[in-house]
N, C-alpha and C. Protein backbone atom coordinates (compact mmCIF):
# COMPACT_ATOMS: atom_id res chain seq x y z
N UNK A 1 10.67 7.89 -8.02
CA UNK A 1 9.12 8.34 -8.50
C UNK A 1 8.93 10.06 -9.28
N UNK A 2 8.54 10.12 -10.14
CA UNK A 2 8.48 11.39 -10.90
C UNK A 2 7.52 12.40 -9.82
N UNK A 3 6.39 11.89 -9.37
CA UNK A 3 5.45 12.78 -8.44
C UNK A 3 4.37 13.13 -9.70
N UNK A 4 4.64 12.48 -11.19
CA UNK A 4 3.44 13.20 -12.35
C UNK A 4 2.63 11.99 -12.68
N UNK A 5 1.84 11.65 -12.77
CA UNK A 5 0.94 11.05 -13.41
C UNK A 5 1.14 10.54 -14.11
N UNK A 6 1.19 8.91 -14.76
CA UNK A 6 1.64 8.14 -15.71
C UNK A 6 1.35 9.03 -17.03
N UNK A 7 0.30 9.01 -17.12
CA UNK A 7 -0.43 9.77 -18.48
C UNK A 7 0.25 10.55 -19.07
N UNK A 8 1.45 11.54 -18.32
CA UNK A 8 2.21 12.90 -18.33
C UNK A 8 3.39 12.22 -18.89
N UNK A 9 3.48 11.42 -18.14
CA UNK A 9 5.23 10.69 -18.92
C UNK A 9 5.19 10.32 -20.05
N UNK A 10 6.07 10.83 -21.03
CA UNK A 10 6.50 10.11 -22.49
C UNK A 10 7.06 8.78 -22.27
N UNK A 11 6.60 8.49 -21.62
CA UNK A 11 7.06 7.00 -21.85
C UNK A 11 5.82 5.77 -22.22
N UNK A 12 6.10 4.96 -23.29
CA UNK A 12 5.40 4.06 -23.17
C UNK A 12 4.34 3.16 -21.62
N UNK A 13 3.29 3.36 -21.59
CA UNK A 13 2.82 2.17 -20.50
C UNK A 13 2.68 1.24 -20.59
N UNK A 14 4.09 0.40 -19.67
CA UNK A 14 4.04 -0.63 -19.26
C UNK A 14 2.51 -1.43 -18.43
N UNK A 15 2.77 -3.10 -18.90
CA UNK A 15 2.18 -3.87 -18.37
C UNK A 15 1.61 -3.63 -16.43
N UNK A 16 3.12 -3.15 -16.50
CA UNK A 16 2.51 -2.87 -14.74
C UNK A 16 2.00 -1.26 -14.63
N UNK A 17 2.55 -0.81 -14.79
CA UNK A 17 1.99 0.65 -15.36
C UNK A 17 0.27 0.66 -15.30
N UNK A 18 -0.22 -0.20 -16.45
CA UNK A 18 -1.89 -0.38 -16.51
C UNK A 18 -2.31 -1.25 -15.21
N UNK A 19 -1.60 -1.99 -14.79
CA UNK A 19 -2.43 -3.04 -13.69
C UNK A 19 -2.50 -2.28 -12.46
N UNK A 20 -1.20 -0.88 -11.95
CA UNK A 20 -1.06 -0.20 -10.80
C UNK A 20 -2.74 0.71 -11.10
N UNK A 21 -2.75 1.49 -11.92
CA UNK A 21 -3.54 2.71 -12.60
C UNK A 21 -5.58 2.02 -12.34
N UNK A 22 -4.88 0.31 -12.54
CA UNK A 22 -6.43 -0.23 -12.50
C UNK A 22 -6.85 -0.24 -11.07
N UNK A 23 -5.60 -0.94 -10.43
CA UNK A 23 -5.53 -1.08 -8.64
C UNK A 23 -5.79 0.18 -7.69
N UNK A 24 -5.24 1.55 -8.31
CA UNK A 24 -5.78 2.40 -7.46
C UNK A 24 -6.99 3.39 -7.83
N UNK A 25 -7.65 3.00 -8.75
CA UNK A 25 -8.76 3.55 -9.37
C UNK A 25 -9.69 3.92 -8.49
N UNK A 26 -10.29 2.99 -7.86
CA UNK A 26 -11.18 2.54 -6.93
C UNK A 26 -11.22 3.85 -6.13
N UNK A 27 -10.01 3.92 -5.68
CA UNK A 27 -9.95 4.83 -4.44
C UNK A 27 -9.21 6.31 -4.94
N UNK A 28 -9.64 7.07 -5.93
CA UNK A 28 -9.63 8.33 -6.73
C UNK A 28 -9.98 9.68 -5.80
N UNK A 29 -8.78 10.26 -5.46
CA UNK A 29 -9.14 11.40 -4.40
C UNK A 29 -9.08 11.20 -3.18
N UNK A 30 -8.47 10.28 -2.39
CA UNK A 30 -7.45 9.56 -1.10
C UNK A 30 -6.42 9.84 -1.36
N UNK A 31 -5.61 10.18 -0.47
CA UNK A 31 -4.39 9.42 -0.45
C UNK A 31 -4.41 7.82 -0.16
N UNK A 32 -3.21 7.19 -0.24
CA UNK A 32 -3.22 5.79 -0.63
C UNK A 32 -2.06 5.54 0.52
N UNK A 33 -2.24 4.65 1.45
CA UNK A 33 -0.84 3.89 1.85
C UNK A 33 -0.72 2.74 1.59
N UNK A 34 -0.11 2.35 0.38
CA UNK A 34 -0.40 1.23 0.23
C UNK A 34 1.19 0.65 0.60
N UNK A 35 0.67 -0.77 1.66
CA UNK A 35 1.59 -2.22 2.32
C UNK A 35 1.69 -2.75 1.65
N UNK A 36 2.72 -3.46 0.84
CA UNK A 36 3.24 -4.47 0.74
C UNK A 36 3.70 -5.25 1.53
N UNK A 37 2.84 -6.54 2.12
CA UNK A 37 3.67 -7.30 3.57
C UNK A 37 3.33 -8.70 2.85
N UNK A 38 3.67 -9.47 4.23
CA UNK A 38 2.92 -10.99 3.66
C UNK A 38 2.54 -11.87 5.52
N UNK A 39 1.84 -12.23 5.67
CA UNK A 39 1.50 -12.82 6.40
C UNK A 39 2.09 -14.11 7.39
N UNK A 40 2.89 -14.50 6.37
CA UNK A 40 3.69 -15.77 6.91
C UNK A 40 4.81 -14.92 7.40
N UNK A 41 5.28 -13.62 7.35
CA UNK A 41 6.72 -13.17 8.11
C UNK A 41 5.97 -12.48 9.49
N UNK A 42 6.74 -13.61 10.69
CA UNK A 42 6.09 -12.51 11.90
C UNK A 42 6.14 -11.05 12.69
N UNK A 43 7.54 -10.74 11.66
CA UNK A 43 7.65 -8.83 11.82
C UNK A 43 7.03 -8.44 11.66
N UNK A 44 6.13 -8.84 10.30
CA UNK A 44 5.10 -8.42 9.20
C UNK A 44 4.04 -8.18 10.02
N UNK A 45 3.63 -9.06 10.85
CA UNK A 45 2.32 -9.65 11.30
C UNK A 45 2.07 -8.62 12.43
N UNK A 46 3.24 -8.95 13.09
CA UNK A 46 3.53 -7.81 14.67
C UNK A 46 3.52 -6.76 14.19
N UNK A 47 3.53 -5.92 13.22
CA UNK A 47 3.71 -4.60 13.25
C UNK A 47 2.64 -3.96 12.55
N UNK A 48 1.70 -4.86 11.85
CA UNK A 48 0.65 -4.70 11.47
C UNK A 48 -0.59 -4.18 12.43
N UNK A 49 -0.51 -5.43 13.46
CA UNK A 49 -1.33 -5.06 14.59
C UNK A 49 -0.98 -4.13 15.38
N UNK A 50 0.52 -3.42 15.76
CA UNK A 50 1.14 -2.60 16.09
C UNK A 50 0.47 -1.26 15.84
N UNK A 51 0.64 -1.49 14.49
CA UNK A 51 -0.20 -0.07 13.56
C UNK A 51 -1.80 0.41 13.35
N UNK A 52 -2.66 -0.54 14.09
CA UNK A 52 -4.17 -0.55 13.42
C UNK A 52 -4.69 0.35 14.54
N UNK A 53 -4.75 0.48 15.42
CA UNK A 53 -4.32 2.02 16.07
C UNK A 53 -5.10 3.13 15.27
N UNK A 54 -3.57 3.50 14.92
CA UNK A 54 -3.18 4.67 14.33
C UNK A 54 -4.34 4.08 13.07
N UNK A 55 -4.16 3.49 12.01
CA UNK A 55 -5.36 3.14 10.92
C UNK A 55 -6.49 4.57 10.75
N UNK A 56 -7.11 3.18 12.64
CA UNK A 56 -8.39 3.06 12.99
C UNK A 56 -8.62 4.97 13.39
N UNK A 57 -7.33 5.38 14.00
CA UNK A 57 -8.27 7.30 14.28
C UNK A 57 -8.13 7.50 12.85
N UNK A 58 -8.00 7.52 11.79
CA UNK A 58 -7.35 8.22 10.49
C UNK A 58 -8.22 7.57 9.82
N UNK A 59 -9.63 7.23 10.11
CA UNK A 59 -10.56 5.83 9.07
C UNK A 59 -11.21 7.25 8.76
N UNK A 60 -11.80 8.48 9.06
CA UNK A 60 -12.53 9.16 8.45
C UNK A 60 -11.78 10.43 7.90
N UNK A 61 -11.09 10.60 7.44
CA UNK A 61 -10.29 11.16 6.45
C UNK A 61 -9.85 10.64 5.04
N UNK A 62 -9.30 11.44 4.18
CA UNK A 62 -9.35 10.95 3.44
C UNK A 62 -7.72 10.14 2.50
N UNK A 63 -7.99 9.44 3.43
CA UNK A 63 -6.19 8.25 3.14
C UNK A 63 -7.17 6.75 3.53
N UNK A 64 -6.83 5.80 2.76
CA UNK A 64 -6.73 4.64 2.68
C UNK A 64 -5.45 4.08 2.69
N UNK A 65 -5.66 2.89 3.80
CA UNK A 65 -4.61 2.07 3.90
C UNK A 65 -5.11 0.50 2.95
N UNK A 66 -4.33 0.33 2.80
CA UNK A 66 -4.15 -0.53 1.95
C UNK A 66 -3.62 -1.82 2.08
N UNK A 67 -3.82 -2.82 2.10
CA UNK A 67 -2.53 -4.10 2.65
C UNK A 67 -2.52 -5.40 1.35
N UNK A 68 -1.12 -5.06 0.70
CA UNK A 68 -1.39 -5.49 -0.28
C UNK A 68 -0.64 -6.98 -0.26
N UNK A 69 -0.42 -8.68 -0.53
CA UNK A 69 -0.25 -9.53 -0.50
C UNK A 69 -0.13 -10.86 -1.58
N UNK A 70 0.59 -11.46 -1.76
CA UNK A 70 0.73 -12.16 -3.05
C UNK A 70 -0.56 -13.63 -2.13
N UNK A 71 -1.04 -13.72 -3.06
CA UNK A 71 -2.24 -14.91 -2.66
C UNK A 71 -1.36 -16.58 -2.44
N UNK A 72 -0.11 -16.88 -2.96
CA UNK A 72 0.74 -17.45 -2.64
C UNK A 72 1.56 -16.90 -1.80
N UNK A 73 2.22 -16.20 -1.15
CA UNK A 73 2.91 -16.08 -0.05
C UNK A 73 1.48 -15.98 1.56
N UNK A 74 0.47 -15.64 1.65
CA UNK A 74 -0.72 -15.33 2.22
C UNK A 74 -1.86 -16.49 1.66
N UNK A 75 -2.14 -17.35 1.94
CA UNK A 75 -3.22 -18.61 2.07
C UNK A 75 -4.40 -18.15 2.25
N UNK A 76 -5.34 -17.67 1.56
CA UNK A 76 -6.52 -17.39 2.11
C UNK A 76 -6.76 -17.26 3.46
N UNK A 77 -6.85 -18.22 3.58
CA UNK A 77 -7.53 -19.22 4.78
C UNK A 77 -6.77 -18.71 6.61
N UNK A 78 -5.31 -18.54 6.38
CA UNK A 78 -4.65 -18.14 7.52
C UNK A 78 -4.78 -16.67 7.07
N UNK A 79 -4.41 -15.92 6.25
CA UNK A 79 -4.81 -14.41 6.07
C UNK A 79 -6.65 -14.02 6.79
N UNK A 80 -6.93 -14.64 6.37
CA UNK A 80 -8.56 -14.15 6.55
C UNK A 80 -8.62 -14.62 8.44
N UNK A 81 -8.13 -15.73 8.92
CA UNK A 81 -7.90 -16.02 10.22
C UNK A 81 -7.22 -14.25 10.90
N UNK A 82 -5.76 -14.35 10.55
CA UNK A 82 -5.14 -13.12 10.99
C UNK A 82 -5.56 -12.30 10.99
N UNK A 83 -6.67 -11.75 10.29
CA UNK A 83 -7.14 -10.23 10.09
C UNK A 83 -8.16 -10.59 10.72
N UNK A 84 -9.18 -11.20 11.15
CA UNK A 84 -10.38 -11.46 11.74
C UNK A 84 -9.24 -11.60 13.28
N UNK A 85 -8.67 -12.47 13.44
CA UNK A 85 -8.20 -12.39 14.67
C UNK A 85 -7.81 -11.25 16.01
N UNK A 86 -6.80 -9.99 14.62
CA UNK A 86 -6.70 -8.85 15.30
C UNK A 86 -7.32 -7.47 14.65
N UNK A 87 -8.66 -7.94 14.09
CA UNK A 87 -9.55 -7.00 14.01
C UNK A 87 -8.67 -5.90 13.52
N UNK A 88 -8.32 -6.43 12.04
CA UNK A 88 -6.99 -5.48 11.02
C UNK A 88 -8.34 -4.50 10.32
N UNK A 89 -8.40 -3.27 10.93
CA UNK A 89 -8.99 -3.17 9.36
C UNK A 89 -8.98 -2.38 8.61
N UNK A 90 -9.47 -1.59 7.28
CA UNK A 90 -8.43 -1.23 5.92
C UNK A 90 -9.20 -2.32 5.09
N UNK A 91 -8.10 -1.39 3.92
CA UNK A 91 -8.15 -2.06 2.66
C UNK A 91 -7.13 -3.60 2.39
N UNK A 92 -7.97 -4.76 1.99
CA UNK A 92 -6.99 -5.73 1.70
C UNK A 92 -7.12 -5.92 0.73
N UNK A 93 -5.66 -6.24 0.01
CA UNK A 93 -6.06 -6.94 -1.30
C UNK A 93 -5.30 -8.12 -1.70
N UNK A 94 -5.51 -9.54 -1.73
CA UNK A 94 -4.38 -10.69 -1.97
C UNK A 94 -4.50 -10.60 -3.07
N UNK A 95 -3.76 -10.08 -4.24
CA UNK A 95 -3.61 -10.46 -5.43
C UNK A 95 -2.69 -12.20 -5.89
N UNK A 96 -2.66 -12.03 -7.30
CA UNK A 96 -1.98 -13.09 -8.17
C UNK A 96 -1.07 -13.12 -7.62
N UNK A 97 0.11 -14.26 -7.98
CA UNK A 97 1.91 -14.01 -7.74
C UNK A 97 1.98 -13.09 -9.69
N UNK A 98 1.54 -13.10 -10.46
CA UNK A 98 2.40 -12.25 -11.34
C UNK A 98 1.59 -11.06 -11.40
N UNK A 99 0.73 -10.81 -10.61
CA UNK A 99 0.21 -8.80 -10.44
C UNK A 99 0.86 -8.66 -9.51
N UNK A 100 1.61 -9.67 -8.04
CA UNK A 100 2.34 -9.16 -7.45
C UNK A 100 3.97 -8.73 -8.28
N UNK A 101 4.20 -9.71 -9.00
CA UNK A 101 5.37 -9.22 -9.27
C UNK A 101 5.17 -8.01 -10.44
N UNK A 102 4.61 -8.07 -11.11
CA UNK A 102 4.23 -6.36 -11.39
C UNK A 102 4.98 -5.49 -10.92
N UNK A 103 3.86 -5.54 -9.43
CA UNK A 103 4.19 -4.55 -8.75
C UNK A 103 5.71 -4.66 -8.16
N UNK A 104 6.10 -5.66 -7.91
CA UNK A 104 7.52 -5.72 -7.22
C UNK A 104 8.68 -5.56 -8.23
N UNK A 105 8.24 -5.32 -10.03
CA UNK A 105 9.37 -4.94 -10.50
C UNK A 105 9.36 -3.14 -10.39
N UNK A 106 7.93 -2.79 -10.80
CA UNK A 106 7.58 -1.53 -10.77
C UNK A 106 7.88 -0.58 -9.84
N UNK A 107 7.90 -1.21 -8.79
CA UNK A 107 8.43 -0.40 -7.48
C UNK A 107 9.75 -0.91 -7.17
N UNK A 108 10.62 -1.46 -7.68
CA UNK A 108 11.78 -2.40 -7.43
C UNK A 108 11.74 -2.66 -5.94
N UNK A 109 10.74 -3.80 -5.61
CA UNK A 109 10.30 -4.49 -4.42
C UNK A 109 11.54 -4.77 -3.60
N UNK A 110 12.37 -5.00 -3.17
CA UNK A 110 13.08 -6.02 -2.60
C UNK A 110 13.33 -7.05 -1.65
N UNK A 111 12.47 -6.15 -0.44
CA UNK A 111 12.14 -7.13 0.64
C UNK A 111 10.87 -6.03 0.98
N UNK A 112 10.19 -6.98 2.20
CA UNK A 112 9.14 -6.43 2.65
C UNK A 112 9.01 -5.79 4.00
N UNK A 113 8.06 -5.34 4.60
CA UNK A 113 7.39 -4.63 4.31
C UNK A 113 7.76 -3.79 3.41
N UNK A 114 7.36 -3.20 2.31
CA UNK A 114 7.25 -1.94 1.94
C UNK A 114 6.35 -1.22 1.53
N UNK A 115 6.73 -0.12 1.53
CA UNK A 115 5.16 1.36 1.44
C UNK A 115 4.77 2.22 0.37
N UNK A 116 4.38 2.46 -0.19
CA UNK A 116 3.99 2.77 -1.50
C UNK A 116 3.06 3.96 -0.75
N UNK A 117 3.34 5.46 -1.28
CA UNK A 117 2.40 6.40 -1.13
C UNK A 117 1.93 7.32 -2.35
N UNK A 118 0.21 7.45 -2.71
CA UNK A 118 0.05 8.03 -3.62
C UNK A 118 -1.08 9.20 -2.88
N UNK A 119 -0.55 10.41 -3.86
CA UNK A 119 -1.50 11.69 -3.28
C UNK A 119 -2.48 11.49 -4.03
N UNK A 120 -3.45 12.34 -3.53
CA UNK A 120 -5.40 12.80 -3.89
C UNK A 120 -5.18 12.43 -5.07
N UNK A 121 -3.89 13.05 -6.14
CA UNK A 121 -3.92 12.96 -8.14
C UNK A 121 -3.90 12.14 -8.34
N UNK A 122 -3.49 10.63 -7.56
CA UNK A 122 -2.90 9.47 -7.86
C UNK A 122 -1.58 9.72 -8.39
N UNK A 123 -1.03 10.77 -7.68
CA UNK A 123 0.67 11.10 -7.98
C UNK A 123 1.66 10.14 -6.99
N UNK A 124 2.21 9.01 -7.23
CA UNK A 124 3.15 8.08 -6.53
C UNK A 124 4.49 9.35 -5.60
N UNK A 125 4.25 9.83 -4.87
CA UNK A 125 5.10 10.90 -4.08
C UNK A 125 5.81 9.87 -3.15
N UNK A 126 5.90 9.09 -2.77
CA UNK A 126 6.96 8.13 -1.94
C UNK A 126 6.84 6.89 -2.23
N UNK A 127 8.24 6.39 -2.53
CA UNK A 127 8.33 4.65 -2.86
C UNK A 127 9.40 4.23 -1.92
N UNK A 128 8.38 4.55 -0.60
CA UNK A 128 9.54 3.03 0.79
C UNK A 128 10.71 4.04 0.96
N UNK A 129 10.55 4.70 1.33
CA UNK A 129 11.73 6.09 2.29
C UNK A 129 11.36 6.44 3.89
N UNK A 130 12.50 6.40 4.27
CA UNK A 130 12.04 5.54 5.70
C UNK A 130 11.64 6.45 6.53
N UNK A 131 10.40 7.83 6.19
CA UNK A 131 9.94 8.52 6.69
C UNK A 131 8.42 7.49 6.42
N UNK A 132 8.62 7.06 5.59
CA UNK A 132 6.79 6.23 5.87
C UNK A 132 7.62 5.23 6.38
N UNK A 133 8.39 3.89 6.61
CA UNK A 133 8.53 2.72 6.78
C UNK A 133 8.53 2.30 8.45
N UNK A 134 7.81 3.46 8.80
CA UNK A 134 6.48 3.19 10.17
C UNK A 134 5.72 4.01 10.39
N UNK A 135 4.33 3.99 10.57
CA UNK A 135 3.44 4.98 11.02
C UNK A 135 3.43 5.74 11.91
N UNK A 136 4.28 5.66 12.83
CA UNK A 136 5.18 6.58 13.91
C UNK A 136 5.49 7.92 13.37
N UNK A 137 6.37 7.13 11.91
CA UNK A 137 7.46 8.20 11.36
C UNK A 137 6.36 9.05 10.27
N UNK A 138 5.32 8.61 10.01
CA UNK A 138 4.39 8.82 8.55
C UNK A 138 3.81 9.94 8.80
N UNK A 139 2.96 9.64 10.22
CA UNK A 139 2.06 10.36 10.35
C UNK A 139 1.74 11.88 9.78
N UNK A 140 2.50 12.84 10.02
CA UNK A 140 2.66 13.99 10.27
C UNK A 140 2.80 14.22 8.35
N UNK A 141 3.37 13.41 7.94
CA UNK A 141 3.53 13.52 6.91
C UNK A 141 2.29 13.17 5.61
N UNK A 142 1.80 12.11 5.53
CA UNK A 142 0.12 12.03 5.73
C UNK A 142 -1.01 13.13 5.69
N UNK A 143 -0.99 13.71 7.10
CA UNK A 143 -1.66 14.69 7.09
C UNK A 143 -1.95 15.60 6.11
N UNK A 144 0.23 15.78 5.84
CA UNK A 144 -0.15 17.15 5.00
C UNK A 144 -0.19 16.83 3.71
N UNK A 145 -0.37 15.54 3.16
CA UNK A 145 -0.87 14.51 1.87
C UNK A 145 -2.57 15.30 2.25
N UNK A 146 -3.05 14.68 3.18
CA UNK A 146 -4.65 14.42 2.94
C UNK A 146 -5.08 16.16 3.05
N UNK A 147 -4.01 17.26 3.49
CA UNK A 147 -4.64 18.63 3.42
C UNK A 147 -4.03 19.03 2.32
N UNK A 148 -4.09 18.69 1.02
CA UNK A 148 -3.52 19.32 0.16
C UNK A 148 -4.64 19.54 -0.25
């Protein structure tokens, strides 16, 4: 990813670009930690539970943790039960399989979990690098982005 807003790149906008811009628009001015997961995967579930304290500790900062899942991979009843049972905070998006496919294509998501980091200017600054794959590995980097 170039780190430049899509509007500054001389390439035509794709449906995936348009959908992603629509998805992040309500969070303008915040750093975004967009986490692609499925609650059907036990390791994914365990990691979400493990990192919830970090997310709660940062709740008053200019960062939004957005958990994104496909409605096909995380049925509503099971998804809501999991969130309630483990008190998972943050923003939660269950998107359609078509929307999921747009984003997995845009970010070349081969496996989940997959994390995308967006700075306060709406620029993708990281697409699943190792420093953002685990919460413990990315807190300093997130703090720096918040302070920019």
